[in-house]
Amino acid sequence: MAGGIAARGTDRLTDLEIKAWLKAGSNAATKKLSDGGGLFLMRTPAGTPVWRVKYRLGGKERLFAVGSYPEIGLKAARAERAAVKDRLRAGSDPVQARKLNRAAVVASSGNTFAIVARDWLEKKRQGWSQIHFDTTSRAIERDVLPLLGPLPVADITPAMVAKVIEEIFKPPREAIDTAGKVLWNVESIFRLAQARGLCRENPAVPVREVLPRKKQAGRRPAFLEWSQLGDVLRQANVARLSPAVRMAHRLCAFTAARMGNIIRAEWSEFDLDAEVPLWVIPRAKMKAQDRHHDHKIILGPSIAGELRTWRSQMGSKGYLFPSVSGGGQHITHESIEKAYRVTLGLKDKHSPHGWRAAFSTLAREGGFERDVVELALDHIHDNEVVRAYDRGERLEGRLKLANWWDDQLLKAERRGL
C-alpha cells in the first residue's frame, strides 16, 4: 500500500481521560494521548494541546495538523482522522490536498493579487491606448504575477515586492526604467486593494528605496560618424543574436524608426512589393497622437529586400519579430537594448534610439531639408503647416532621403570588409 494509517484499535480516549491528562500538566504519565488509528493529542512547547494525525505516504512518516483542543473536540478530531484516511485511499497527500483547498478558497474570495491586478487593468483600459494597455499587461504577467499572483494581498510584504522589483533591475537584465514603471503599477494595484478593504498597508511604497538612482537625464548615446555606424552593423552581423533581434536591429538602423514601433511591427503594415516599398504605421501606434494621418516610412532597396527574404522565412501574418516564447507575442524592447548594451558592448556609446540621432544629424549634413528629415522621423514640428505636410512633394523628398540613407549605410557597412 502506497500510503495509510497504521491499523490499530481506534476510539480509545474519553473526554474524562483528556481532562485528567490536561489537569496533570507536566506531571502526566505520558507526553501525548493516543486515540488509535494515528490520532493523538500532544502539547506544544508553549503548552497548547493540539491534535495530530500520523500517517505514512511513499514510505515516509508524516503529520497532519488537525487543530487545538478544546476548539477541536474529540468527535471532530476523529472526523478529521477519517477524512485523512479517505484522502489516502484516493491516493492523495492529505496535507497537500488541504493546501490546494485553501488556495482555491482564497482564489474564489477575490482577494488574491492576481484578481485585483486584473480588475485594475480593466479599469485602466478605457483611458489608455491599446499599446500602453498591452505593454503594461505583459509586464505584470511576466514580472509580478509569478510570485505575487496567488497570494492574498493582505499577506504580501514589502520584502516580497522588493524581490520582484530587484529581479527586474539587477544584472544581467538591468532594466531600471522597467522596474520603476512596474513598481508604480504595483503601488496602484495595492491602492485599489486598500480601497476595497482587502489590505490596510501598501507594501509597495517602501520599495521605492531599493530602486537604483537614475542617471541624470541627458542625450541618449549615439554614433554620428559613418565609420562608427558601419562598425555597429558589422559587429551585429557576426554577434550571437537571435534571428528576430538581428533583423529588428537592421530595420531600426535602416529606417530610424522608434524601437516601440519596430518590435510591434506587423506584416499587415508593409507593402514590400510596391514600386516604392512602404511601411505605414497606424497613428494609434505612434508617439505623436495629434495628427490625423498614419506615418509612412519609405523603405530603401536593401532593407526592403532583406524584409522580403525575412517574410519568406517567417510567413506574412502577425508580428514581424515574434517572441521565441510564442503565445502570439513579439520580442521585447529590452531584448534589443540588451543586445546593444551587453552583446555588442555599446553601453553609453550607441543605443537603438541613437539611429534616430544619427539619421537626423547626417541627413542634415547631407543637404536634406529640415522639414523632410523631421517628417521622416515623425517629429512634432513647431510649424503647424508642416505637421499636415505628409503628402505630395514631401514624399518625393523623403523617397530621395530613404534611398540615400540606405545607400550610405550599405557603403559604411562594406567599407571595413
Protein backbone atom coordinates (compact mmCIF):
# COMPACT_ATOMS: atom_id res chain seq x y z
CA MET A 1 0.00 0.00 0.00
CA ALA A 2 1.46 3.38 -1.07
CA GLY A 3 0.11 5.17 1.99
CA GLY A 4 -2.06 4.60 5.03
CA ILE A 5 -2.64 4.87 8.76
CA ALA A 6 -1.36 2.09 10.99
CA ALA A 7 -4.08 -0.46 11.68
CA ARG A 8 -4.54 -0.06 15.41
CA GLY A 9 -7.51 -0.01 17.72
CA THR A 10 -9.32 3.32 17.47
CA ASP A 11 -11.52 5.50 19.66
CA ARG A 12 -9.57 4.62 22.82
CA LEU A 13 -9.88 8.00 24.51
CA THR A 14 -12.69 9.56 26.51
CA ASP A 15 -13.29 13.22 27.35
CA LEU A 16 -12.65 12.43 31.04
CA GLU A 17 -9.22 10.97 30.26
CA ILE A 18 -8.30 14.03 28.23
CA LYS A 19 -9.34 16.44 31.00
CA ALA A 20 -7.41 14.44 33.61
CA TRP A 21 -4.30 14.45 31.38
CA LEU A 22 -4.55 18.19 30.85
CA LYS A 23 -5.02 18.79 34.58
CA ALA A 24 -1.90 16.77 35.39
CA GLY A 25 0.16 19.04 33.13
CA SER A 26 3.86 18.27 33.16
CA ASN A 27 3.23 15.63 35.84
CA ALA A 28 1.21 13.50 33.41
CA ALA A 29 2.49 9.95 32.94
CA THR A 30 2.74 10.36 29.15
CA LYS A 31 3.58 13.30 26.88
CA LYS A 32 0.78 12.51 24.48
CA LEU A 33 -2.53 10.69 24.41
CA SER A 34 -3.29 8.28 21.56
CA ASP A 35 -6.81 7.63 20.30
CA GLY A 36 -5.54 5.00 17.89
CA GLY A 37 -5.54 5.00 14.10
CA GLY A 38 -2.75 7.59 14.12
CA LEU A 39 -4.74 10.27 16.01
CA PHE A 40 -3.14 11.67 19.15
CA LEU A 41 -3.19 14.72 21.41
CA MET A 42 0.07 16.41 22.39
CA ARG A 43 1.30 19.65 23.97
CA THR A 44 3.30 22.24 22.03
CA PRO A 45 6.37 23.81 23.70
CA ALA A 46 4.07 26.68 24.69
CA GLY A 47 1.76 24.19 26.45
CA THR A 48 -1.13 24.27 23.96
CA PRO A 49 -2.83 20.89 23.46
CA VAL A 50 -3.08 20.07 19.74
CA TRP A 51 -4.41 17.17 17.69
CA ARG A 52 -2.23 15.42 15.13
CA VAL A 53 -2.80 12.51 12.77
CA LYS A 54 0.25 10.39 11.95
CA TYR A 55 0.26 8.65 8.57
CA ARG A 56 2.69 7.21 6.06
CA LEU A 57 2.96 8.15 2.39
CA GLY A 58 5.55 6.80 -0.01
CA GLY A 59 7.28 5.04 2.86
CA LYS A 60 7.72 8.26 4.86
CA GLU A 61 6.01 9.21 8.10
CA ARG A 62 4.06 12.48 8.04
CA LEU A 63 1.86 14.51 10.37
CA PHE A 64 -1.45 16.18 9.64
CA ALA A 65 -2.30 19.09 11.97
CA VAL A 66 -5.95 18.92 12.98
CA GLY A 67 -6.17 21.87 15.38
CA SER A 68 -6.03 22.70 19.08
CA TYR A 69 -8.13 21.30 21.92
CA PRO A 70 -10.80 22.18 23.07
CA GLU A 71 -11.61 24.21 19.90
CA ILE A 72 -11.44 20.86 18.12
CA GLY A 73 -13.14 18.33 20.34
CA LEU A 74 -12.64 14.56 20.39
CA LYS A 75 -15.53 13.89 17.99
CA ALA A 76 -14.32 16.50 15.46
CA ALA A 77 -10.74 15.19 15.67
CA ARG A 78 -11.96 11.67 14.86
CA ALA A 79 -13.86 13.04 11.86
CA GLU A 80 -10.62 14.63 10.60
CA ARG A 81 -8.84 11.28 11.04
CA ALA A 82 -11.49 9.64 8.88
CA ALA A 83 -11.07 12.36 6.23
CA VAL A 84 -7.32 11.76 6.20
CA LYS A 85 -7.95 8.05 5.61
CA ASP A 86 -10.31 8.85 2.74
CA ARG A 87 -7.70 11.05 1.06
CA LEU A 88 -5.03 8.39 1.43
CA ARG A 89 -7.32 5.79 -0.14
CA ALA A 90 -7.86 8.18 -3.04
CA GLY A 91 -4.09 8.35 -3.48
CA SER A 92 -3.60 11.97 -2.43
CA ASP A 93 -1.49 13.56 0.28
CA PRO A 94 -3.83 14.97 2.96
CA VAL A 95 -1.53 17.91 3.72
CA GLN A 96 -1.16 18.85 0.04
CA ALA A 97 -4.90 18.43 -0.53
CA ARG A 98 -5.63 20.88 2.29
CA LYS A 99 -3.19 23.42 0.86
CA LEU A 100 -4.86 23.20 -2.54
CA ASN A 101 -8.27 23.56 -0.97
CA ARG A 102 -7.20 26.65 0.94
CA ALA A 103 -5.70 28.14 -2.22
CA ALA A 104 -8.98 27.55 -4.05
CA VAL A 105 -10.91 29.24 -1.26
CA VAL A 106 -8.58 32.23 -1.36
CA ALA A 107 -8.81 32.48 -5.15
CA SER A 108 -12.61 32.31 -5.12
CA SER A 109 -12.82 35.03 -2.50
CA GLY A 110 -11.35 37.61 -4.90
CA ASN A 111 -8.58 38.85 -2.62
CA THR A 112 -5.52 37.48 -4.43
CA PHE A 113 -3.10 39.92 -6.02
CA ALA A 114 -3.78 38.42 -9.47
CA ILE A 115 -7.51 39.08 -9.25
CA VAL A 116 -7.06 42.65 -8.01
CA ALA A 117 -4.39 43.29 -10.66
CA ARG A 118 -6.67 42.18 -13.49
CA ASP A 119 -9.53 44.27 -12.14
CA TRP A 120 -7.17 47.25 -12.01
CA LEU A 121 -6.10 46.69 -15.61
CA GLU A 122 -9.70 46.58 -16.79
CA LYS A 123 -10.42 49.86 -15.03
CA LYS A 124 -7.43 51.45 -16.77
CA ARG A 125 -8.19 50.05 -20.23
CA GLN A 126 -10.66 52.76 -21.26
CA GLY A 127 -8.27 55.63 -20.61
CA TRP A 128 -5.19 54.00 -22.16
CA SER A 129 -4.13 53.35 -25.72
CA GLN A 130 -4.18 49.69 -26.73
CA ILE A 131 -0.39 49.69 -26.96
CA HIS A 132 0.05 51.01 -23.43
CA PHE A 133 -2.53 48.56 -22.09
CA ASP A 134 -0.85 45.59 -23.80
CA THR A 135 2.63 46.64 -22.65
CA THR A 136 1.53 47.10 -19.04
CA SER A 137 -0.41 43.83 -19.01
CA ARG A 138 2.57 41.88 -20.33
CA ALA A 139 4.91 43.42 -17.77
CA ILE A 140 2.59 42.49 -14.89
CA GLU A 141 2.03 38.98 -16.23
CA ARG A 142 5.76 38.44 -16.82
CA ASP A 143 7.36 40.11 -13.82
CA VAL A 144 4.81 40.26 -10.99
CA LEU A 145 2.16 37.56 -11.13
CA PRO A 146 4.50 34.52 -10.99
CA LEU A 147 5.49 35.47 -7.42
CA LEU A 148 2.67 37.63 -6.08
CA GLY A 149 -0.31 36.48 -8.14
CA PRO A 150 -1.57 33.56 -6.00
CA LEU A 151 -1.12 35.39 -2.66
CA PRO A 152 -3.83 37.23 -0.72
CA VAL A 153 -2.98 40.92 -0.93
CA ALA A 154 -3.11 41.22 2.87
CA ASP A 155 -0.30 38.67 3.19
CA ILE A 156 2.13 40.39 0.81
CA THR A 157 5.04 42.16 2.48
CA PRO A 158 7.41 44.88 1.26
CA ALA A 159 10.18 42.27 1.08
CA MET A 160 8.13 40.21 -1.38
CA VAL A 161 7.51 43.23 -3.60
CA ALA A 162 11.19 44.20 -3.36
CA LYS A 163 12.21 40.75 -4.61
CA VAL A 164 10.03 41.21 -7.69
CA ILE A 165 11.49 44.63 -8.47
CA GLU A 166 15.10 43.62 -7.80
CA GLU A 167 14.82 40.77 -10.31
CA ILE A 168 14.00 43.36 -12.97
CA PHE A 169 16.84 45.81 -12.41
CA LYS A 170 19.68 43.59 -11.24
CA PRO A 171 22.23 42.10 -13.70
CA PRO A 172 22.06 40.69 -16.26
CA ARG A 173 18.71 42.31 -17.06
CA GLU A 174 19.43 45.80 -15.64
CA ALA A 175 16.05 47.19 -16.75
CA ILE A 176 15.90 50.11 -14.33
CA ASP A 177 13.24 52.06 -16.22
CA THR A 178 11.03 48.97 -16.44
CA ALA A 179 11.49 48.32 -12.72
CA GLY A 180 10.29 51.82 -11.87
CA LYS A 181 7.23 51.52 -14.12
CA VAL A 182 6.32 48.08 -12.76
CA LEU A 183 6.64 49.30 -9.19
CA TRP A 184 4.37 52.27 -9.92
CA ASN A 185 1.76 49.86 -11.30
CA VAL A 186 2.06 47.56 -8.27
CA GLU A 187 1.58 50.55 -5.94
CA SER A 188 -1.57 51.48 -7.83
CA ILE A 189 -2.92 47.92 -7.66
CA PHE A 190 -2.46 47.91 -3.89
CA ARG A 191 -4.27 51.25 -3.65
CA LEU A 192 -7.26 49.58 -5.29
CA ALA A 193 -6.96 46.71 -2.80
CA GLN A 194 -6.89 49.25 0.06
CA ALA A 195 -10.00 50.95 -1.27
CA ARG A 196 -11.78 47.60 -1.24
CA GLY A 197 -10.72 46.90 2.33
CA LEU A 198 -8.55 43.94 1.35
CA CYS A 199 -5.41 45.31 2.98
CA ARG A 200 -4.51 48.16 5.33
CA GLU A 201 -0.97 48.98 4.23
CA ASN A 202 0.52 49.43 0.76
CA PRO A 203 3.63 47.21 0.81
CA ALA A 204 4.90 48.65 -2.48
CA VAL A 205 5.50 52.15 -1.08
CA PRO A 206 8.73 51.40 0.89
CA VAL A 207 10.17 49.52 -2.09
CA ARG A 208 10.98 52.84 -3.78
CA GLU A 209 14.08 52.79 -1.60
CA VAL A 210 15.56 49.74 -3.36
CA LEU A 211 15.45 51.28 -6.84
CA PRO A 212 18.86 52.41 -8.10
CA ARG A 213 19.18 56.15 -8.53
CA LYS A 214 18.66 57.02 -12.17
CA LYS A 215 21.36 58.85 -14.04
CA GLN A 216 20.74 62.49 -14.76
CA ALA A 217 18.71 62.77 -17.93
CA GLY A 218 20.68 63.71 -20.99
CA ARG A 219 21.14 62.85 -24.61
CA ARG A 220 20.96 59.19 -25.46
CA PRO A 221 24.26 57.75 -26.70
CA ALA A 222 24.66 57.81 -30.47
CA PHE A 223 27.42 57.44 -33.01
CA LEU A 224 27.40 60.25 -35.57
CA GLU A 225 30.21 59.08 -37.87
CA TRP A 226 29.67 56.78 -40.84
CA SER A 227 32.68 54.67 -39.88
CA GLN A 228 31.24 54.09 -36.38
CA LEU A 229 27.81 53.15 -37.74
CA GLY A 230 29.42 50.74 -40.18
CA ASP A 231 31.27 49.11 -37.30
CA VAL A 232 27.99 48.58 -35.42
CA LEU A 233 26.38 46.93 -38.44
CA ARG A 234 29.37 44.62 -38.97
CA GLN A 235 29.55 43.67 -35.28
CA ALA A 236 25.87 42.77 -35.26
CA ASN A 237 26.30 40.59 -38.35
CA VAL A 238 28.70 38.25 -36.52
CA ALA A 239 27.36 38.57 -32.95
CA ARG A 240 25.37 35.86 -31.17
CA LEU A 241 21.94 37.39 -31.69
CA SER A 242 18.66 35.63 -32.31
CA PRO A 243 17.44 35.99 -35.92
CA ALA A 244 14.50 38.15 -34.80
CA VAL A 245 16.68 40.51 -32.75
CA ARG A 246 19.21 40.81 -35.58
CA MET A 247 16.52 41.61 -38.16
CA ALA A 248 14.82 44.08 -35.81
CA HIS A 249 18.18 45.80 -35.37
CA ARG A 250 18.54 46.05 -39.16
CA LEU A 251 15.08 47.56 -39.54
CA CYS A 252 15.90 50.04 -36.78
CA ALA A 253 19.16 51.08 -38.42
CA PHE A 254 17.82 51.43 -41.96
CA THR A 255 14.55 53.23 -41.07
CA ALA A 256 15.48 55.15 -37.88
CA ALA A 257 12.05 54.19 -36.56
CA ARG A 258 11.28 54.21 -32.85
CA MET A 259 12.02 50.93 -31.12
CA GLY A 260 8.44 50.64 -29.87
CA ASN A 261 7.22 50.61 -33.47
CA ILE A 262 9.96 48.18 -34.53
CA ILE A 263 9.11 45.46 -32.01
CA ARG A 264 5.34 45.82 -32.62
CA ALA A 265 5.63 45.92 -36.41
CA GLU A 266 3.03 43.75 -38.15
CA TRP A 267 3.14 42.35 -41.68
CA SER A 268 -0.19 43.98 -42.48
CA GLU A 269 1.55 47.38 -42.23
CA PHE A 270 4.06 46.61 -45.02
CA ASP A 271 3.75 46.80 -48.78
CA LEU A 272 7.07 45.33 -49.86
CA ASP A 273 6.07 44.60 -53.44
CA ALA A 274 5.00 48.10 -54.41
CA GLU A 275 7.08 50.21 -56.77
CA VAL A 276 8.02 52.25 -53.70
CA PRO A 277 8.05 49.82 -50.73
CA LEU A 278 6.29 51.35 -47.74
CA TRP A 279 5.78 50.73 -44.04
CA VAL A 280 2.61 52.51 -42.92
CA ILE A 281 2.33 52.67 -39.13
CA PRO A 282 -1.18 53.37 -37.78
CA ARG A 283 -1.36 56.68 -35.94
CA ALA A 284 -2.62 54.86 -32.83
CA LYS A 285 0.81 53.24 -32.58
CA MET A 286 2.76 56.48 -32.87
CA LYS A 287 4.09 58.68 -30.10
CA ALA A 288 2.53 61.81 -31.59
CA GLN A 289 -1.26 61.48 -31.42
CA ASP A 290 -2.24 64.97 -32.63
CA ARG A 291 -2.24 64.08 -36.33
CA HIS A 292 -4.96 62.63 -38.48
CA HIS A 293 -2.78 60.60 -40.84
CA ASP A 294 -0.76 57.43 -40.39
CA HIS A 295 3.03 57.59 -40.50
CA LYS A 296 4.65 56.49 -43.75
CA ILE A 297 8.19 55.13 -43.78
CA ILE A 298 9.69 54.71 -47.23
CA LEU A 299 11.91 51.64 -47.35
CA GLY A 300 15.21 51.77 -49.20
CA PRO A 301 16.00 48.98 -51.67
CA SER A 302 18.35 46.99 -49.43
CA ILE A 303 16.16 46.88 -46.33
CA ALA A 304 13.10 46.17 -48.49
CA GLY A 305 14.97 43.22 -50.00
CA GLU A 306 16.02 41.94 -46.57
CA LEU A 307 12.42 42.16 -45.38
CA ARG A 308 11.19 40.18 -48.38
CA THR A 309 13.71 37.45 -47.51
CA TRP A 310 12.60 37.58 -43.86
CA ARG A 311 8.97 37.26 -44.98
CA SER A 312 9.78 34.15 -46.99
CA GLN A 313 11.28 32.60 -43.83
CA MET A 314 8.69 33.73 -41.29
CA GLY A 315 5.45 33.94 -43.24
CA SER A 316 3.39 37.09 -43.74
CA LYS A 317 0.99 37.04 -40.78
CA GLY A 318 1.18 38.57 -37.33
CA TYR A 319 4.28 40.28 -35.95
CA LEU A 320 7.48 40.59 -37.97
CA PHE A 321 9.50 39.66 -34.91
CA PRO A 322 7.64 37.04 -32.85
CA SER A 323 8.89 36.12 -29.41
CA VAL A 324 10.67 32.78 -29.05
CA SER A 325 8.31 32.04 -26.15
CA GLY A 326 5.39 32.00 -28.59
CA GLY A 327 1.87 32.83 -27.50
CA GLY A 328 1.42 35.37 -30.29
CA GLN A 329 3.76 37.86 -28.59
CA HIS A 330 6.52 39.95 -30.12
CA ILE A 331 10.11 40.41 -28.96
CA THR A 332 10.65 42.99 -26.24
CA HIS A 333 12.27 46.41 -26.24
CA GLU A 334 14.59 45.01 -23.60
CA SER A 335 15.90 42.26 -25.89
CA ILE A 336 17.15 44.86 -28.38
CA GLU A 337 18.54 47.18 -25.71
CA LYS A 338 20.42 44.28 -24.10
CA ALA A 339 21.85 43.23 -27.46
CA TYR A 340 23.34 46.69 -27.88
CA ARG A 341 24.38 47.18 -24.27
CA VAL A 342 25.79 43.73 -23.50
CA THR A 343 26.32 41.62 -26.62
CA LEU A 344 27.70 44.43 -28.79
CA GLY A 345 29.37 46.22 -25.85
CA LEU A 346 27.85 49.59 -26.77
CA LYS A 347 26.75 50.75 -23.33
CA ASP A 348 26.97 54.56 -23.13
CA LYS A 349 28.20 54.62 -26.75
CA HIS A 350 25.32 53.86 -29.08
CA SER A 351 21.72 52.76 -28.48
CA PRO A 352 18.84 51.68 -30.72
CA HIS A 353 17.41 55.18 -30.33
CA GLY A 354 20.80 56.52 -31.42
CA TRP A 355 19.96 55.66 -35.05
CA ARG A 356 17.39 58.46 -35.00
CA ALA A 357 20.01 60.97 -33.84
CA ALA A 358 22.46 59.70 -36.47
CA PHE A 359 19.80 59.87 -39.19
CA SER A 360 18.79 63.42 -38.26
CA THR A 361 22.36 64.72 -37.98
CA LEU A 362 23.86 63.07 -41.05
CA ALA A 363 20.85 63.76 -43.28
CA ARG A 364 21.01 67.47 -42.47
CA GLU A 365 24.76 67.41 -43.14
CA GLY A 366 23.98 65.60 -46.40
CA GLY A 367 21.95 68.58 -47.60
CA PHE A 368 18.40 67.40 -46.94
CA GLU A 369 15.85 69.98 -45.81
CA ARG A 370 14.94 70.08 -42.16
CA ASP A 371 11.21 69.58 -42.85
CA VAL A 372 11.85 66.44 -44.91
CA VAL A 373 14.04 64.95 -42.18
CA GLU A 374 11.60 65.83 -39.40
CA LEU A 375 8.64 64.37 -41.26
CA ALA A 376 10.59 61.18 -41.93
CA LEU A 377 11.12 60.85 -38.17
CA ASP A 378 7.53 61.89 -37.36
CA HIS A 379 8.83 64.61 -35.09
CA ILE A 380 6.42 67.22 -33.81
CA HIS A 381 7.32 70.35 -35.73
CA ASP A 382 6.94 73.87 -34.43
CA ASN A 383 5.19 74.87 -37.66
CA GLU A 384 1.51 73.85 -37.79
CA VAL A 385 1.60 73.78 -41.60
CA VAL A 386 4.45 71.28 -41.64
CA ARG A 387 2.51 68.96 -39.32
CA ALA A 388 -0.01 68.37 -42.08
CA TYR A 389 2.62 68.24 -44.83
CA ASP A 390 2.97 64.45 -45.09
CA ARG A 391 1.91 64.17 -48.74
CA GLY A 392 2.70 65.36 -52.24
CA GLU A 393 6.15 66.79 -52.86
CA ARG A 394 7.37 65.94 -49.37
CA LEU A 395 7.03 62.23 -50.09
CA GLU A 396 9.23 62.76 -53.14
CA GLY A 397 11.88 64.37 -50.93
CA ARG A 398 11.55 61.59 -48.41
CA LEU A 399 11.98 58.97 -51.12
CA LYS A 400 15.31 60.52 -52.05
CA LEU A 401 16.25 60.66 -48.38
CA ALA A 402 15.35 56.99 -47.78
CA ASN A 403 17.34 55.79 -50.77
CA TRP A 404 20.31 57.99 -49.81
CA TRP A 405 20.34 56.70 -46.20
CA ASP A 406 20.04 53.10 -47.40
CA ASP A 407 22.96 53.54 -49.79
CA GLN A 408 25.18 55.36 -47.28
CA LEU A 409 24.68 52.72 -44.60
CA LEU A 410 25.50 49.91 -47.02
CA LYS A 411 28.70 51.69 -48.05
CA ALA A 412 29.65 52.23 -44.38
CA GLU A 413 28.95 48.58 -43.61
CA ARG A 414 31.05 47.32 -46.52
CA ARG A 415 33.92 49.75 -46.02
CA GLY A 416 35.58 47.60 -43.38
CA LEU A 417 35.30 44.35 -45.35
